[in-house]
């Protein structure tokens, strides 16, 4: 297992982590590992959602109507005018 040393942690941040660790009955080390894991999972989830949105947008941009076909928006507008 790897070892990670973090320097210059602001005192307020350390105290907040220490308080969370006490509330969860964990050591400060275990709490930091938990927080890092949660943060990475959240970031990966945001990236996967963003990638899915990009894929959806790219699909809609590639759709073109064959020649001679009328856009459905025009058909709906024409129908509403009747």
Protein backbone atom coordinates (compact mmCIF):
# COMPACT_ATOMS: atom_id res chain seq x y z
CA UNK A 1 0.00 0.00 0.00
CA UNK A 2 1.29 3.45 -0.91
CA UNK A 3 2.05 6.19 1.58
CA UNK A 4 0.96 9.75 0.97
CA UNK A 5 2.39 12.69 2.90
CA UNK A 6 0.58 16.00 2.76
CA UNK A 7 2.29 19.14 3.96
CA UNK A 8 1.01 22.59 4.83
CA UNK A 9 -2.53 21.50 5.63
CA UNK A 10 -4.37 24.55 6.98
CA UNK A 11 -5.19 24.19 10.66
CA UNK A 12 -8.91 24.85 10.12
CA UNK A 13 -9.10 22.11 7.48
CA UNK A 14 -7.27 19.64 9.71
CA UNK A 15 -9.63 20.39 12.58
CA UNK A 16 -12.66 19.82 10.32
CA UNK A 17 -11.26 16.48 9.17
CA UNK A 18 -10.47 15.55 12.75
CA UNK A 19 -14.03 16.38 13.81
CA UNK A 20 -15.49 14.30 10.96
CA UNK A 21 -13.22 11.40 11.90
CA UNK A 22 -14.42 11.53 15.51
CA UNK A 23 -18.07 11.64 14.40
CA UNK A 24 -17.54 8.57 12.19
CA UNK A 25 -15.37 6.74 14.75
CA UNK A 26 -12.43 6.69 12.37
CA UNK A 27 -8.83 7.73 12.56
CA UNK A 28 -7.83 10.91 10.76
CA UNK A 29 -6.00 8.76 8.22
CA UNK A 30 -9.06 6.60 7.55
CA UNK A 31 -11.23 9.71 7.24
CA UNK A 32 -8.85 11.33 4.74
CA UNK A 33 -8.85 8.12 2.67
CA UNK A 34 -12.66 8.10 2.76
CA UNK A 35 -12.87 11.77 1.73
CA UNK A 36 -10.39 11.27 -1.12
CA UNK A 37 -12.31 8.24 -2.34
CA UNK A 38 -15.64 10.07 -2.26
CA UNK A 39 -14.14 13.07 -4.04
CA UNK A 40 -12.70 10.92 -6.81
CA UNK A 41 -15.97 9.03 -7.26
CA UNK A 42 -17.89 12.31 -7.52
CA UNK A 43 -15.43 13.68 -10.08
CA UNK A 44 -15.59 10.49 -12.16
CA UNK A 45 -19.40 10.59 -12.05
CA UNK A 46 -19.42 14.21 -13.27
CA UNK A 47 -17.04 13.33 -16.08
CA UNK A 48 -19.10 10.34 -17.19
CA UNK A 49 -22.27 12.46 -17.20
CA UNK A 50 -20.50 15.17 -19.18
CA UNK A 51 -19.21 12.58 -21.66
CA UNK A 52 -22.72 11.16 -22.10
CA UNK A 53 -24.11 14.64 -22.74
CA UNK A 54 -21.38 15.28 -25.31
CA UNK A 55 -22.19 11.98 -27.08
CA UNK A 56 -25.89 12.89 -27.19
CA UNK A 57 -25.14 16.35 -28.55
CA UNK A 58 -22.83 14.96 -31.21
CA UNK A 59 -25.56 12.56 -32.38
CA UNK A 60 -28.10 15.34 -32.79
CA UNK A 61 -25.65 17.43 -34.80
CA UNK A 62 -25.06 14.58 -37.28
CA UNK A 63 -28.74 14.08 -38.13
CA UNK A 64 -29.66 15.54 -41.51
CA UNK A 65 -32.90 15.09 -43.39
CA UNK A 66 -32.81 13.30 -46.71
CA UNK A 67 -33.50 15.52 -49.67
CA UNK A 68 -37.20 16.11 -50.16
CA UNK A 69 -38.18 15.44 -46.56
CA UNK A 70 -39.93 18.18 -44.60
CA UNK A 71 -38.83 19.10 -41.11
CA UNK A 72 -41.39 17.96 -38.53
CA UNK A 73 -41.43 21.44 -36.99
CA UNK A 74 -42.71 22.86 -40.27
CA UNK A 75 -45.37 20.14 -40.47
CA UNK A 76 -46.59 20.85 -36.93
CA UNK A 77 -46.76 24.59 -37.60
CA UNK A 78 -48.72 23.97 -40.79
CA UNK A 79 -51.12 21.69 -38.94
CA UNK A 80 -51.70 24.30 -36.22
CA UNK A 81 -52.59 26.94 -38.80
CA UNK A 82 -55.48 24.82 -40.11
